[in-house]
């Protein structure tokens, strides 16, 4: 579990304490329940329908020794730049 520090107005803290005492749980549990009810967590990537589409449209064919950075940003060596005369 990840530890999180939050700031509350004094009257909200009192109300939170009352609710926690009434339910017999910690303030943190009340906050977790409220967040869970309000925020829907993201599914794991392998369950995301868009994840299966990564790479579906294809991309540049990399030559041996070539990295995607070479394709996106160009070769590191100025002699390999398009239009250079070797």
N, C-alpha and C. Protein backbone atom coordinates (compact mmCIF):
# COMPACT_ATOMS: atom_id res chain seq x y z
N UNK A 1 0.85 -1.18 0.00
CA UNK A 1 0.00 0.00 0.00
C UNK A 1 0.90 1.24 0.00
N UNK A 2 0.52 2.24 -0.72
CA UNK A 2 1.27 3.50 -0.79
C UNK A 2 0.79 4.44 0.29
N UNK A 3 1.76 5.03 0.99
CA UNK A 3 1.43 6.01 2.02
C UNK A 3 1.24 7.37 1.37
N UNK A 4 0.20 8.10 1.80
CA UNK A 4 -0.15 9.39 1.22
C UNK A 4 -0.47 10.37 2.33
N UNK A 5 0.04 11.56 2.22
CA UNK A 5 -0.26 12.60 3.20
C UNK A 5 -1.20 13.61 2.57
N UNK A 6 -2.30 13.93 3.27
CA UNK A 6 -3.26 14.91 2.76
C UNK A 6 -3.54 15.95 3.83
N UNK A 7 -4.07 17.08 3.42
CA UNK A 7 -4.46 18.14 4.35
C UNK A 7 -5.97 18.30 4.29
N UNK A 8 -6.60 18.41 5.45
CA UNK A 8 -8.04 18.58 5.56
C UNK A 8 -8.35 19.78 6.42
N UNK A 9 -9.48 20.41 6.15
CA UNK A 9 -9.95 21.46 7.03
C UNK A 9 -10.30 20.82 8.37
N UNK A 10 -10.11 21.56 9.48
CA UNK A 10 -10.36 20.98 10.80
C UNK A 10 -11.76 20.36 10.94
N UNK A 11 -12.78 21.02 10.41
CA UNK A 11 -14.14 20.48 10.55
C UNK A 11 -14.32 19.18 9.76
N UNK A 12 -13.63 19.04 8.62
CA UNK A 12 -13.70 17.80 7.85
C UNK A 12 -12.97 16.68 8.58
N UNK A 13 -11.87 17.01 9.22
CA UNK A 13 -11.14 16.02 10.01
C UNK A 13 -12.00 15.51 11.17
N UNK A 14 -12.74 16.42 11.83
CA UNK A 14 -13.63 16.02 12.92
C UNK A 14 -14.72 15.09 12.39
N UNK A 15 -15.31 15.45 11.26
CA UNK A 15 -16.36 14.62 10.67
C UNK A 15 -15.80 13.26 10.25
N UNK A 16 -14.62 13.25 9.72
CA UNK A 16 -13.96 12.01 9.33
C UNK A 16 -13.73 11.12 10.55
N UNK A 17 -13.27 11.73 11.63
CA UNK A 17 -13.04 10.99 12.87
C UNK A 17 -14.33 10.40 13.41
N UNK A 18 -15.40 11.18 13.36
CA UNK A 18 -16.71 10.68 13.84
C UNK A 18 -17.16 9.48 13.01
N UNK A 19 -17.03 9.59 11.71
CA UNK A 19 -17.45 8.50 10.82
C UNK A 19 -16.60 7.25 11.05
N UNK A 20 -15.31 7.44 11.21
CA UNK A 20 -14.42 6.30 11.46
C UNK A 20 -14.78 5.62 12.78
N UNK A 21 -15.05 6.40 13.80
CA UNK A 21 -15.42 5.83 15.09
C UNK A 21 -16.77 5.11 15.00
N UNK A 22 -17.70 5.70 14.32
CA UNK A 22 -19.02 5.11 14.16
C UNK A 22 -18.94 3.74 13.47
N UNK A 23 -18.06 3.63 12.45
CA UNK A 23 -17.93 2.38 11.71
C UNK A 23 -16.90 1.43 12.30
N UNK A 24 -16.12 1.93 13.27
CA UNK A 24 -15.11 1.07 13.89
C UNK A 24 -13.91 0.80 13.01
N UNK A 25 -13.58 1.77 12.17
CA UNK A 25 -12.42 1.65 11.29
C UNK A 25 -11.56 2.90 11.42
N UNK A 26 -10.42 2.89 10.75
CA UNK A 26 -9.53 4.05 10.80
C UNK A 26 -10.01 5.15 9.86
N UNK A 27 -9.49 6.34 10.08
CA UNK A 27 -9.77 7.44 9.16
C UNK A 27 -9.26 7.08 7.77
N UNK A 28 -8.11 6.44 7.72
CA UNK A 28 -7.53 6.06 6.43
C UNK A 28 -8.48 5.14 5.66
N UNK A 29 -9.14 4.23 6.37
CA UNK A 29 -10.08 3.32 5.69
C UNK A 29 -11.27 4.09 5.13
N UNK A 30 -11.76 5.07 5.87
CA UNK A 30 -12.86 5.90 5.36
C UNK A 30 -12.43 6.63 4.10
N UNK A 31 -11.22 7.19 4.12
CA UNK A 31 -10.70 7.90 2.94
C UNK A 31 -10.55 6.93 1.77
N UNK A 32 -9.99 5.74 2.03
CA UNK A 32 -9.83 4.75 0.94
C UNK A 32 -11.18 4.40 0.31
N UNK A 33 -12.19 4.18 1.15
CA UNK A 33 -13.52 3.85 0.63
C UNK A 33 -14.07 4.99 -0.22
N UNK A 34 -13.89 6.22 0.24
CA UNK A 34 -14.41 7.37 -0.50
C UNK A 34 -13.70 7.51 -1.84
N UNK A 35 -12.39 7.32 -1.84
CA UNK A 35 -11.63 7.43 -3.09
C UNK A 35 -12.02 6.30 -4.03
N UNK A 36 -12.14 5.09 -3.51
CA UNK A 36 -12.53 3.93 -4.32
C UNK A 36 -13.90 4.16 -4.97
N UNK A 37 -14.82 4.76 -4.22
CA UNK A 37 -16.16 5.01 -4.75
C UNK A 37 -16.15 6.10 -5.82
N UNK A 38 -15.19 7.00 -5.75
CA UNK A 38 -15.14 8.15 -6.65
C UNK A 38 -14.25 7.93 -7.87
N UNK A 39 -13.14 7.21 -7.68
CA UNK A 39 -12.12 7.08 -8.72
C UNK A 39 -12.03 5.61 -9.15
N UNK A 40 -12.15 5.41 -10.45
CA UNK A 40 -12.04 4.05 -10.98
C UNK A 40 -10.60 3.80 -11.40
N UNK A 41 -9.94 2.79 -10.84
CA UNK A 41 -8.55 2.54 -11.22
C UNK A 41 -8.45 2.09 -12.68
N UNK A 42 -7.31 2.34 -13.29
CA UNK A 42 -7.07 1.92 -14.67
C UNK A 42 -6.89 0.41 -14.71
N UNK A 43 -7.36 -0.23 -15.78
CA UNK A 43 -7.14 -1.67 -15.90
C UNK A 43 -5.67 -1.94 -16.21
N UNK A 44 -5.21 -3.17 -15.94
CA UNK A 44 -3.84 -3.51 -16.35
C UNK A 44 -3.69 -3.32 -17.85
N UNK A 45 -2.49 -2.98 -18.29
CA UNK A 45 -2.26 -2.71 -19.72
C UNK A 45 -2.70 -3.86 -20.61
N UNK A 46 -2.45 -5.09 -20.20
CA UNK A 46 -2.81 -6.20 -21.09
C UNK A 46 -4.32 -6.39 -21.21
N UNK A 47 -5.12 -5.71 -20.38
CA UNK A 47 -6.57 -5.75 -20.50
C UNK A 47 -7.11 -4.52 -21.24
N UNK A 48 -6.26 -3.56 -21.54
CA UNK A 48 -6.67 -2.35 -22.23
C UNK A 48 -6.83 -2.67 -23.72
N UNK A 49 -8.01 -2.43 -24.29
CA UNK A 49 -8.22 -2.78 -25.71
C UNK A 49 -7.28 -2.05 -26.65
N UNK A 50 -6.80 -0.88 -26.28
CA UNK A 50 -5.89 -0.15 -27.16
C UNK A 50 -4.47 -0.71 -27.12
N UNK A 51 -4.13 -1.42 -26.04
CA UNK A 51 -2.78 -1.97 -25.91
C UNK A 51 -2.46 -2.93 -27.05
N UNK A 52 -3.45 -3.72 -27.46
CA UNK A 52 -3.22 -4.69 -28.54
C UNK A 52 -3.00 -3.99 -29.88
N UNK A 53 -3.34 -2.72 -29.97
CA UNK A 53 -3.19 -1.99 -31.23
C UNK A 53 -1.80 -1.40 -31.40
N UNK A 54 -0.99 -1.36 -30.35
CA UNK A 54 0.35 -0.80 -30.47
C UNK A 54 1.11 -1.55 -31.55
N UNK A 55 1.63 -0.84 -32.49
CA UNK A 55 2.39 -1.43 -33.58
C UNK A 55 1.54 -1.99 -34.71
N UNK A 56 0.22 -1.92 -34.57
CA UNK A 56 -0.66 -2.50 -35.58
C UNK A 56 -0.54 -1.79 -36.92
N UNK A 57 -0.22 -0.52 -36.92
CA UNK A 57 -0.12 0.24 -38.16
C UNK A 57 1.25 0.13 -38.79
N UNK A 58 2.10 -0.63 -38.15
CA UNK A 58 3.44 -0.81 -38.69
C UNK A 58 4.32 0.38 -38.35
N UNK A 59 5.48 0.33 -38.81
CA UNK A 59 6.42 1.39 -38.53
C UNK A 59 7.63 1.21 -39.41
N UNK A 60 8.66 1.97 -39.14
CA UNK A 60 9.86 1.85 -39.98
C UNK A 60 10.51 0.49 -39.80
N UNK A 61 11.01 -0.03 -40.89
CA UNK A 61 11.78 -1.27 -40.81
C UNK A 61 13.20 -0.88 -40.42
N UNK A 62 13.61 -1.34 -39.24
CA UNK A 62 14.94 -1.01 -38.76
C UNK A 62 15.95 -1.97 -39.36
N UNK A 63 17.06 -1.42 -39.78
CA UNK A 63 18.17 -2.24 -40.26
C UNK A 63 18.99 -2.70 -39.06
N UNK A 64 19.73 -3.79 -39.18
CA UNK A 64 20.58 -4.22 -38.06
C UNK A 64 21.48 -3.08 -37.59
N UNK A 65 21.53 -2.87 -36.31
CA UNK A 65 22.36 -1.82 -35.74
C UNK A 65 21.69 -0.46 -35.70
N UNK A 66 20.51 -0.33 -36.28
CA UNK A 66 19.80 0.94 -36.31
C UNK A 66 18.81 0.98 -35.16
N UNK A 67 18.72 2.10 -34.49
CA UNK A 67 17.77 2.23 -33.39
C UNK A 67 16.60 3.11 -33.84
N UNK A 68 15.53 3.04 -33.09
CA UNK A 68 14.37 3.89 -33.40
C UNK A 68 14.76 5.37 -33.32
N UNK A 69 15.73 5.70 -32.45
CA UNK A 69 16.19 7.09 -32.36
C UNK A 69 16.79 7.55 -33.68
N UNK A 70 17.50 6.64 -34.37
CA UNK A 70 18.06 7.00 -35.68
C UNK A 70 16.95 7.34 -36.67
N UNK A 71 15.86 6.58 -36.59
CA UNK A 71 14.75 6.79 -37.51
C UNK A 71 14.02 8.09 -37.18
N UNK A 72 13.79 8.33 -35.89
CA UNK A 72 13.03 9.51 -35.46
C UNK A 72 13.86 10.78 -35.56
N UNK A 73 15.09 10.73 -35.04
CA UNK A 73 15.90 11.95 -34.93
C UNK A 73 16.99 12.06 -35.99
N UNK A 74 17.22 11.00 -36.74
CA UNK A 74 18.28 11.01 -37.74
C UNK A 74 19.54 10.39 -37.17
N UNK A 75 20.46 10.03 -38.04
CA UNK A 75 21.70 9.41 -37.58
C UNK A 75 22.52 10.36 -36.73
N UNK A 76 23.30 9.78 -35.82
CA UNK A 76 24.15 10.59 -34.94
C UNK A 76 25.37 11.12 -35.69
N UNK A 77 25.85 10.35 -36.62
CA UNK A 77 27.05 10.72 -37.35
C UNK A 77 26.66 11.65 -38.51
N UNK A 78 27.16 12.88 -38.53
CA UNK A 78 26.81 13.82 -39.61
C UNK A 78 27.11 13.29 -41.00
N UNK A 79 28.09 12.39 -41.13
CA UNK A 79 28.41 11.84 -42.45
C UNK A 79 27.28 10.97 -42.98
N UNK A 80 26.43 10.48 -42.07
CA UNK A 80 25.31 9.62 -42.49
C UNK A 80 24.03 10.40 -42.74
N UNK A 81 24.06 11.72 -42.54
CA UNK A 81 22.85 12.53 -42.73
C UNK A 81 22.45 12.54 -44.20
N UNK A 82 21.15 12.55 -44.48
CA UNK A 82 20.73 12.63 -45.88
C UNK A 82 21.30 13.87 -46.54
N UNK A 83 21.75 13.70 -47.77
CA UNK A 83 22.29 14.84 -48.53
C UNK A 83 23.77 15.08 -48.29
N UNK A 84 24.37 14.36 -47.32
CA UNK A 84 25.80 14.57 -47.09
C UNK A 84 26.57 13.80 -48.17
N UNK A 85 27.69 14.32 -48.54
CA UNK A 85 28.49 13.69 -49.60
C UNK A 85 29.69 13.04 -48.96
N UNK A 86 29.72 11.71 -49.03
CA UNK A 86 30.82 10.95 -48.41
C UNK A 86 31.99 10.84 -49.33
